[in-house]
Amino acid sequence: MRFSVLVLGMVFLCASARGQGADGKEAASWEARVVSSGTITLQAVLEAVRRENPEILAARKRWEASRQRAVQAATPDKPRLDLERMYAPSGKNAVSEADEQAVTVTQEVPFPTTLYLRHGAAVKDAGMKEQSYKAKLLDAAARAKTAYAGLFLAGRGLAVFEENIGIMRRFARVAESKVAAGKGSQADALKAQVELTRMLNMRVALEADLESSKAGLNALMGRDARAPLGEPEEPSSVLPPESAQDLESAALSGRPEVREASLAYDRAGDSLSLARSEFLPDFMLQYRRRSDPMRGRTHDAVLGLSLPLWFWKPAAMVREARSEREMAQAELQAARVATRADVQSAWSKAQASKRLLEAYRTTLLPQAESSLRVAEAGYQADKTGFLDLLDSQRSLLNFKLEYYQYAAEYESRVAELVRVVGRQEVLR
């Protein structure tokens, strides 16, 4: 009966494991389909990065490994078992025919506070690895947002060029029709063809930028550089707060780098206490059971103490640990100072990009579009020259490209601000 229950339990566990593995494969397959075709969202990309980015996986495994060291640090070394066979007569078996037999168990135990301090230092070290993992998450997310915005920029830039190539072809037909009607010069038609050829060549460079952006984003998601990617939707802009001071306190309390430096300072304090504990003795506990013909069975108990006679060694360890704690304190202060500077710098850049983006959206682009319409109407009515039309068209093209560049730059600045602060919710 017990055997049947055991077999059924093993079958159930195996089936559950297969189900979990199948669910994991289905989730990965679903994510691959989401980012490989159609319109991809930034959220889907970030989720794929979180699951599959090799750097994130390495940081998480490093953290998980460090968590197991706390149990090891709080556990004494393994005990020692000695089997003694003594006073065997000459010519007889020393194992089975010895007159005296003894079994000894020995356990070395550090001073109790030593184990406690080792455990505390290991826990803080695991906490540092956790903060390093969180920092890697934020860094990878910031790079993914930047790459996603760059992919969006490359796609929109290519679309702008396609639109302007169509406009230039229309201008070239207008110029050729005016030459045929005797109202224009052959030079205008040649200028239109030269400009059209220049734009076609620039489109090749933009196509290369698009492929490069796809390769970079695929690499962040742990995919092959040539894996297909869907069309990115326009990133949803997040407005940073009006003052950088609103973010400083959040960054000082939530940024993984600052928390890691704080834990390093606490761990250095534990290391100093551990160095001081070297002046304390360690214990040796021993139990022995003897058996001999004269006394029969007897029992012995031994308590041993280590003698820290070479005091200059722990004294040097204390001086080293004190210096390391002072170093950790200075690094913590440096992390706080750098965080304040990083927040101010990232916030200023995000604000500047936001103002430029608004200027292009509300003023420069409408004015350039209006100027092109006026120039085209004037050229068709023989009131302006072809160079005026060409300049208007170039200005509109450049303004559109610069607008999308600033849009991608703004998303990159906001992503950097989130990374510096350490929390996304403060920017919502």
Protein backbone atom coordinates (compact mmCIF):
# COMPACT_ATOMS: atom_id res chain seq x y z
CA MET A 1 0.00 0.00 0.00
CA ARG A 2 2.77 2.41 0.94
CA PHE A 3 4.64 1.50 -2.22
CA SER A 4 1.56 2.30 -4.33
CA VAL A 5 1.09 5.67 -2.64
CA LEU A 6 4.76 6.49 -3.16
CA VAL A 7 4.59 5.58 -6.84
CA LEU A 8 1.46 7.67 -7.34
CA GLY A 9 3.10 10.61 -5.59
CA MET A 10 6.18 10.39 -7.80
CA VAL A 11 4.01 10.21 -10.91
CA PHE A 12 2.08 13.30 -9.75
CA LEU A 13 5.28 15.25 -9.08
CA CYS A 14 6.74 14.33 -12.44
CA ALA A 15 3.54 15.34 -14.19
CA SER A 16 3.52 18.61 -12.30
CA ALA A 17 7.12 19.27 -13.28
CA ARG A 18 6.33 18.54 -16.90
CA GLY A 19 3.32 20.85 -16.68
CA GLN A 20 5.41 23.63 -15.20
CA GLY A 21 8.06 23.13 -17.84
CA ALA A 22 5.38 23.18 -20.54
CA ASP A 23 3.89 26.35 -19.07
CA GLY A 24 7.34 27.98 -19.04
CA LYS A 25 7.93 26.99 -22.66
CA GLU A 26 4.49 28.23 -23.65
CA ALA A 27 5.12 31.55 -21.90
CA ALA A 28 8.48 31.93 -23.65
CA SER A 29 6.91 30.98 -26.98
CA TRP A 30 4.10 33.48 -26.41
CA GLU A 31 6.62 36.24 -25.64
CA ALA A 32 8.62 35.35 -28.76
CA ARG A 33 5.47 35.72 -30.87
CA VAL A 34 4.58 39.02 -29.19
CA VAL A 35 7.91 40.68 -29.99
CA SER A 36 8.44 39.04 -33.37
CA SER A 37 5.42 40.27 -35.30
CA GLY A 38 2.72 42.90 -35.40
CA THR A 39 3.04 45.95 -33.18
CA ILE A 40 5.27 45.40 -30.16
CA THR A 41 4.81 47.29 -26.91
CA LEU A 42 7.48 48.53 -24.58
CA GLN A 43 5.95 46.48 -21.76
CA ALA A 44 6.36 43.25 -23.74
CA VAL A 45 9.97 44.13 -24.51
CA LEU A 46 10.74 44.90 -20.86
CA GLU A 47 9.18 41.62 -19.76
CA ALA A 48 11.28 39.71 -22.30
CA VAL A 49 14.41 41.53 -21.10
CA ARG A 50 13.61 40.70 -17.47
CA ARG A 51 13.17 37.01 -18.27
CA GLU A 52 15.86 36.37 -20.87
CA ASN A 53 18.64 38.96 -20.56
CA PRO A 54 21.84 36.99 -19.79
CA GLU A 55 23.29 39.69 -17.52
CA ILE A 56 20.11 39.74 -15.43
CA LEU A 57 20.06 35.95 -15.21
CA ALA A 58 23.70 35.94 -14.05
CA ALA A 59 23.03 38.60 -11.41
CA ARG A 60 19.98 36.72 -10.12
CA LYS A 61 21.87 33.43 -9.85
CA ARG A 62 24.72 35.24 -8.08
CA TRP A 63 22.23 36.57 -5.54
CA GLU A 64 20.58 33.16 -5.09
CA ALA A 65 23.98 31.56 -4.52
CA SER A 66 24.95 34.16 -1.92
CA ARG A 67 21.77 33.50 0.05
CA GLN A 68 22.96 29.96 0.73
CA ARG A 69 26.15 31.22 2.38
CA ALA A 70 24.27 32.51 5.43
CA VAL A 71 23.40 28.95 6.52
CA GLN A 72 26.97 27.85 5.90
CA ALA A 73 28.41 30.74 7.90
CA ALA A 74 26.25 29.98 10.96
CA THR A 75 27.13 26.26 11.00
CA PRO A 76 30.25 24.89 12.72
CA ASP A 77 32.67 22.69 10.84
CA LYS A 78 31.81 19.00 10.54
CA PRO A 79 32.66 16.85 13.56
CA ARG A 80 35.45 14.31 13.55
CA LEU A 81 35.02 10.60 14.34
CA ASP A 82 38.06 8.55 15.45
CA LEU A 83 38.07 4.74 15.83
CA GLU A 84 41.03 3.53 17.91
CA ARG A 85 42.31 -0.04 18.29
CA MET A 86 45.24 -0.36 20.74
CA TYR A 87 47.39 -2.98 22.44
CA ALA A 88 46.80 -5.76 19.95
CA PRO A 89 49.19 -8.67 20.70
CA SER A 90 51.87 -9.28 18.15
CA GLY A 91 50.73 -11.50 15.38
CA LYS A 92 47.04 -10.86 15.94
CA ASN A 93 44.56 -8.78 13.97
CA ALA A 94 44.90 -5.13 15.10
CA VAL A 95 41.28 -4.35 14.25
CA SER A 96 39.30 -7.22 15.71
CA GLU A 97 41.64 -8.54 18.44
CA ALA A 98 42.93 -5.33 20.07
CA ASP A 99 42.70 -5.25 23.87
CA GLU A 100 41.58 -1.63 24.03
CA GLN A 101 39.03 -0.10 21.72
CA ALA A 102 37.85 3.50 21.69
CA VAL A 103 35.39 5.64 19.75
CA THR A 104 35.98 9.40 19.86
CA VAL A 105 33.77 12.21 18.56
CA THR A 106 35.33 15.69 18.37
CA GLN A 107 33.57 18.93 17.52
CA GLU A 108 35.31 22.26 17.19
CA VAL A 109 33.01 25.20 17.94
CA PRO A 110 33.92 28.87 17.46
CA PHE A 111 33.03 31.35 20.17
CA PRO A 112 29.20 31.77 20.01
CA THR A 113 29.32 35.42 18.95
CA THR A 114 31.65 34.47 16.09
CA LEU A 115 28.99 32.31 14.44
CA TYR A 116 26.41 35.04 14.95
CA LEU A 117 28.65 37.67 13.36
CA ARG A 118 29.53 35.38 10.46
CA HIS A 119 25.85 34.80 9.81
CA GLY A 120 25.12 38.54 9.92
CA ALA A 121 27.96 39.33 7.51
CA ALA A 122 26.76 36.63 5.09
CA VAL A 123 23.19 37.96 5.24
CA LYS A 124 24.40 41.47 4.45
CA ASP A 125 26.55 40.14 1.62
CA ALA A 126 23.46 38.43 0.17
CA GLY A 127 21.61 41.74 0.53
CA MET A 128 24.37 43.44 -1.45
CA LYS A 129 24.03 40.86 -4.21
CA GLU A 130 20.27 41.47 -4.21
CA GLN A 131 20.80 45.21 -4.67
CA SER A 132 23.31 44.49 -7.43
CA TYR A 133 20.66 42.36 -9.12
CA LYS A 134 18.08 45.15 -8.80
CA ALA A 135 20.57 47.63 -10.21
CA LYS A 136 21.14 45.32 -13.17
CA LEU A 137 17.37 45.13 -13.69
CA LEU A 138 17.10 48.92 -13.76
CA ASP A 139 20.15 49.29 -16.02
CA ALA A 140 18.88 46.69 -18.50
CA ALA A 141 15.42 48.30 -18.47
CA ALA A 142 16.93 51.73 -19.17
CA ARG A 143 18.99 50.34 -22.06
CA ALA A 144 15.93 48.50 -23.39
CA LYS A 145 13.85 51.70 -23.30
CA THR A 146 16.62 53.57 -25.11
CA ALA A 147 16.95 50.81 -27.73
CA TYR A 148 13.18 50.66 -28.14
CA ALA A 149 13.05 54.44 -28.67
CA GLY A 150 15.96 54.18 -31.11
CA LEU A 151 14.12 51.50 -33.07
CA PHE A 152 11.02 53.69 -33.13
CA LEU A 153 13.14 56.66 -34.31
CA ALA A 154 14.77 54.61 -37.08
CA GLY A 155 11.38 53.39 -38.29
CA ARG A 156 9.79 56.84 -38.21
CA GLY A 157 12.84 58.41 -39.80
CA LEU A 158 12.60 55.91 -42.64
CA ALA A 159 8.90 56.70 -43.01
CA VAL A 160 9.69 60.44 -43.12
CA PHE A 161 12.23 59.84 -45.85
CA GLU A 162 9.74 57.77 -47.85
CA GLU A 163 7.23 60.61 -47.55
CA ASN A 164 9.78 63.23 -48.62
CA ILE A 165 10.99 61.07 -51.49
CA GLY A 166 7.39 61.09 -52.75
CA ILE A 167 7.25 64.88 -52.33
CA MET A 168 10.52 65.33 -54.19
CA ARG A 169 9.31 63.13 -57.03
CA ARG A 170 6.24 65.35 -57.28
CA PHE A 171 8.46 68.43 -57.37
CA ALA A 172 10.61 66.84 -60.06
CA ARG A 173 7.51 66.20 -62.20
CA VAL A 174 6.38 69.80 -61.70
CA ALA A 175 9.83 71.08 -62.70
CA GLU A 176 9.91 68.86 -65.78
CA SER A 177 6.41 69.94 -66.83
CA LYS A 178 7.43 73.61 -66.51
CA VAL A 179 10.51 72.96 -68.63
CA ALA A 180 8.34 71.26 -71.23
CA ALA A 181 5.99 74.25 -71.20
CA GLY A 182 8.89 76.67 -71.60
CA LYS A 183 8.26 78.28 -68.19
CA GLY A 184 11.18 76.76 -66.27
CA SER A 185 14.87 76.01 -66.67
CA GLN A 186 16.53 72.68 -67.18
CA ALA A 187 18.67 73.44 -64.12
CA ASP A 188 15.61 73.20 -61.85
CA ALA A 189 14.78 69.75 -63.15
CA LEU A 190 18.38 68.61 -62.66
CA LYS A 191 18.42 70.00 -59.11
CA ALA A 192 15.28 68.05 -58.34
CA GLN A 193 16.84 64.83 -59.64
CA VAL A 194 20.06 65.43 -57.67
CA GLU A 195 18.09 66.03 -54.49
CA LEU A 196 16.01 62.92 -55.11
CA THR A 197 19.16 60.83 -55.60
CA ARG A 198 20.67 62.24 -52.39
CA MET A 199 17.56 61.28 -50.42
CA LEU A 200 17.57 57.77 -51.87
CA ASN A 201 21.19 57.35 -50.74
CA MET A 202 20.35 58.64 -47.24
CA ARG A 203 17.52 56.14 -47.06
CA VAL A 204 20.09 53.32 -47.38
CA ALA A 205 21.89 54.65 -44.28
CA LEU A 206 18.61 54.81 -42.37
CA GLU A 207 17.81 51.23 -43.31
CA ALA A 208 21.18 50.20 -41.89
CA ASP A 209 20.39 52.12 -38.66
CA LEU A 210 17.08 50.28 -38.44
CA GLU A 211 18.77 46.88 -38.69
CA SER A 212 21.37 47.94 -36.12
CA SER A 213 18.64 49.03 -33.69
CA LYS A 214 16.86 45.70 -34.13
CA ALA A 215 20.07 43.80 -33.42
CA GLY A 216 20.72 45.82 -30.25
CA LEU A 217 17.21 45.31 -28.91
CA ASN A 218 17.31 41.59 -29.72
CA ALA A 219 20.59 41.28 -27.83
CA LEU A 220 19.04 42.86 -24.73
CA MET A 221 16.22 40.31 -24.89
CA GLY A 222 18.70 37.45 -25.19
CA ARG A 223 17.64 36.70 -28.77
CA ASP A 224 19.56 36.19 -31.98
CA ALA A 225 20.54 39.49 -33.60
CA ARG A 226 18.69 38.52 -36.79
CA ALA A 227 15.47 37.45 -35.04
CA PRO A 228 12.39 39.22 -36.45
CA LEU A 229 10.94 42.15 -34.53
CA GLY A 230 7.54 43.76 -34.79
CA GLU A 231 6.84 47.44 -35.35
CA PRO A 232 7.31 49.45 -32.13
CA GLU A 233 4.47 51.72 -31.10
CA GLU A 234 5.21 55.30 -30.12
CA PRO A 235 6.58 55.41 -26.55
CA SER A 236 4.23 56.96 -24.03
CA SER A 237 6.04 59.95 -22.58
CA VAL A 238 6.29 60.18 -18.79
CA LEU A 239 6.59 63.71 -17.45
CA PRO A 240 9.31 64.16 -14.81
CA PRO A 241 8.47 66.17 -11.68
CA GLU A 242 8.88 69.93 -11.76
CA SER A 243 11.72 69.85 -9.21
CA ALA A 244 14.69 67.53 -8.85
CA GLN A 245 14.44 67.85 -5.08
CA ASP A 246 11.28 65.75 -5.20
CA LEU A 247 13.40 62.87 -6.48
CA GLU A 248 16.50 63.13 -4.29
CA SER A 249 14.98 61.62 -1.17
CA ALA A 250 13.48 58.76 -3.19
CA ALA A 251 16.82 58.10 -4.85
CA LEU A 252 18.77 58.17 -1.56
CA SER A 253 16.41 55.63 -0.03
CA GLY A 254 15.59 53.48 -3.04
CA ARG A 255 18.55 53.48 -5.43
CA PRO A 256 20.16 50.01 -5.37
CA GLU A 257 23.69 51.41 -5.55
CA VAL A 258 23.14 53.47 -2.38
CA ARG A 259 21.50 50.56 -0.56
CA GLU A 260 24.34 48.28 -1.60
CA ALA A 261 26.91 50.77 -0.27
CA SER A 262 24.95 51.02 2.99
CA LEU A 263 24.92 47.24 3.38
CA ALA A 264 28.65 47.17 2.62
CA TYR A 265 29.22 49.59 5.49
CA ASP A 266 27.15 47.41 7.84
CA ARG A 267 29.02 44.31 6.71
CA ALA A 268 32.32 46.07 7.36
CA GLY A 269 31.12 46.66 10.92
CA ASP A 270 30.46 42.94 11.31
CA SER A 271 33.90 42.20 9.88
CA LEU A 272 35.46 44.48 12.48
CA SER A 273 33.61 42.66 15.25
CA LEU A 274 34.74 39.35 13.75
CA ALA A 275 38.34 40.52 13.78
CA ARG A 276 38.02 41.47 17.46
CA SER A 277 36.55 38.04 18.21
CA GLU A 278 39.89 36.55 17.19
CA PHE A 279 41.09 37.52 20.69
CA LEU A 280 38.48 35.11 22.11
CA PRO A 281 39.11 31.38 22.41
CA ASP A 282 37.43 28.74 20.30
CA PHE A 283 36.14 25.55 21.91
CA MET A 284 36.85 21.92 21.30
CA LEU A 285 34.28 19.41 22.60
CA GLN A 286 35.25 15.75 22.69
CA TYR A 287 33.53 12.57 23.81
CA ARG A 288 35.36 9.24 24.01
CA ARG A 289 34.09 5.75 24.82
CA ARG A 290 36.71 3.16 25.77
CA SER A 291 36.63 -0.58 26.21
CA ASP A 292 39.50 -2.60 27.69
CA PRO A 293 39.78 -5.89 29.68
CA MET A 294 40.79 -4.23 33.00
CA ARG A 295 38.30 -1.38 33.30
CA GLY A 296 35.53 -2.53 31.02
CA ARG A 297 33.63 0.23 29.33
CA THR A 298 34.47 3.82 30.34
CA HIS A 299 33.48 7.27 29.11
CA ASP A 300 35.60 10.44 28.77
CA ALA A 301 34.59 14.04 28.12
CA VAL A 302 37.07 16.73 27.09
CA LEU A 303 36.65 20.50 26.83
CA GLY A 304 39.46 22.28 25.03
CA LEU A 305 40.14 25.97 24.46
CA SER A 306 42.32 27.61 21.86
CA LEU A 307 44.88 30.06 23.24
CA PRO A 308 45.19 33.31 21.23
CA LEU A 309 48.81 33.81 22.20
CA TRP A 310 49.92 35.38 18.92
CA PHE A 311 48.00 38.57 19.72
CA TRP A 312 49.70 40.62 17.00
CA LYS A 313 47.83 38.64 14.33
CA PRO A 314 44.28 39.54 15.53
CA ALA A 315 45.52 43.07 16.25
CA ALA A 316 46.54 43.41 12.61
CA MET A 317 43.18 41.95 11.56
CA VAL A 318 41.38 44.57 13.66
CA ARG A 319 43.39 47.39 12.08
CA GLU A 320 42.65 46.03 8.60
CA ALA A 321 38.92 45.68 9.34
CA ARG A 322 38.79 49.21 10.79
CA SER A 323 40.37 50.62 7.64
CA GLU A 324 37.92 48.68 5.48
CA ARG A 325 35.00 50.03 7.50
CA GLU A 326 36.27 53.60 7.05
CA MET A 327 36.64 52.87 3.33
CA ALA A 328 33.05 51.56 3.18
CA GLN A 329 31.84 54.67 4.99
CA ALA A 330 33.62 56.89 2.46
CA GLU A 331 32.17 54.86 -0.42
CA LEU A 332 28.68 55.22 1.06
CA GLN A 333 29.12 58.98 1.28
CA ALA A 334 30.45 59.03 -2.30
CA ALA A 335 27.42 57.04 -3.48
CA ARG A 336 25.06 59.53 -1.84
CA VAL A 337 26.88 62.54 -3.31
CA ALA A 338 26.99 60.92 -6.76
CA THR A 339 23.29 60.06 -6.54
CA ARG A 340 22.34 63.68 -5.82
CA ALA A 341 24.46 64.82 -8.78
CA ASP A 342 23.07 62.09 -11.06
CA VAL A 343 19.48 62.97 -10.16
CA GLN A 344 20.06 66.66 -10.87
CA SER A 345 21.86 65.92 -14.16
CA ALA A 346 19.29 63.38 -15.41
CA TRP A 347 16.37 65.59 -14.39
CA SER A 348 17.87 68.67 -16.14
CA LYS A 349 18.47 66.72 -19.34
CA ALA A 350 14.94 65.28 -19.28
CA GLN A 351 13.44 68.73 -18.78
CA ALA A 352 15.52 70.20 -21.61
CA SER A 353 14.48 67.39 -23.97
CA LYS A 354 10.85 67.90 -23.00
CA ARG A 355 10.99 71.63 -23.79
CA LEU A 356 12.68 71.01 -27.15
CA LEU A 357 10.12 68.35 -28.00
CA GLU A 358 7.25 70.71 -27.22
CA ALA A 359 8.86 73.49 -29.30
CA TYR A 360 9.11 71.23 -32.33
CA ARG A 361 5.60 69.85 -31.89
CA THR A 362 3.81 73.16 -31.38
CA THR A 363 5.89 75.68 -33.33
CA LEU A 364 8.66 74.52 -35.66
CA LEU A 365 6.88 71.68 -37.46
CA PRO A 366 3.65 73.63 -38.16
CA GLN A 367 5.67 76.59 -39.39
CA ALA A 368 7.83 74.40 -41.67
CA GLU A 369 4.76 72.67 -43.14
CA SER A 370 3.10 76.03 -43.78
CA SER A 371 6.29 77.38 -45.37
CA LEU A 372 6.49 74.39 -47.72
CA ARG A 373 2.86 74.84 -48.83
CA VAL A 374 3.45 78.53 -49.53
CA ALA A 375 6.68 77.82 -51.44
CA GLU A 376 5.06 75.10 -53.55
CA ALA A 377 2.10 77.33 -54.43
CA GLY A 378 4.45 80.19 -55.28
CA TYR A 379 6.62 78.00 -57.48
CA GLN A 380 3.63 76.66 -59.39
CA ALA A 381 2.42 80.25 -59.87
CA ASP A 382 5.91 81.33 -61.06
CA LYS A 383 6.25 83.72 -58.09
CA THR A 384 9.19 81.96 -56.39
CA GLY A 385 12.19 80.01 -57.63
CA PHE A 386 12.91 76.32 -57.31
CA LEU A 387 15.63 76.94 -54.74
CA ASP A 388 13.07 78.44 -52.36
CA LEU A 389 10.92 75.34 -52.76
CA LEU A 390 13.93 73.09 -52.24
CA ASP A 391 15.00 74.95 -49.09
CA SER A 392 11.49 74.70 -47.64
CA GLN A 393 11.35 70.99 -48.34
CA ARG A 394 14.79 70.42 -46.78
CA SER A 395 13.82 72.41 -43.69
CA LEU A 396 10.67 70.38 -43.19
CA LEU A 397 12.59 67.11 -43.61
CA ASN A 398 15.26 68.16 -41.14
CA PHE A 399 12.71 69.39 -38.61
CA LYS A 400 10.78 66.12 -38.75
CA LEU A 401 13.93 64.06 -38.32
CA GLU A 402 15.09 66.26 -35.45
CA TYR A 403 11.66 65.98 -33.83
CA TYR A 404 11.85 62.19 -33.75
CA GLN A 405 15.47 62.36 -32.58
CA TYR A 406 14.42 64.54 -29.64
CA ALA A 407 11.49 62.21 -28.97
CA ALA A 408 13.85 59.24 -28.73
CA GLU A 409 16.31 61.29 -26.69
CA TYR A 410 13.56 62.30 -24.28
CA GLU A 411 12.57 58.67 -23.69
CA SER A 412 16.24 57.84 -23.12
CA ARG A 413 16.59 60.71 -20.61
CA VAL A 414 13.51 59.63 -18.69
CA ALA A 415 14.75 56.02 -18.67
CA GLU A 416 18.06 57.22 -17.24
CA LEU A 417 16.20 59.23 -14.61
CA VAL A 418 14.26 56.13 -13.57
CA ARG A 419 17.52 54.17 -13.33
CA VAL A 420 19.14 56.86 -11.19
CA VAL A 421 16.16 57.18 -8.86
CA GLY A 422 15.75 53.43 -8.62
CA ARG A 423 11.95 53.38 -8.77
CA GLN A 424 9.52 53.81 -11.67
CA GLU A 425 6.50 54.90 -9.61
CA VAL A 426 8.03 58.26 -8.60
CA LEU A 427 7.73 59.43 -12.22
CA ARG A 428 4.05 58.55 -12.67
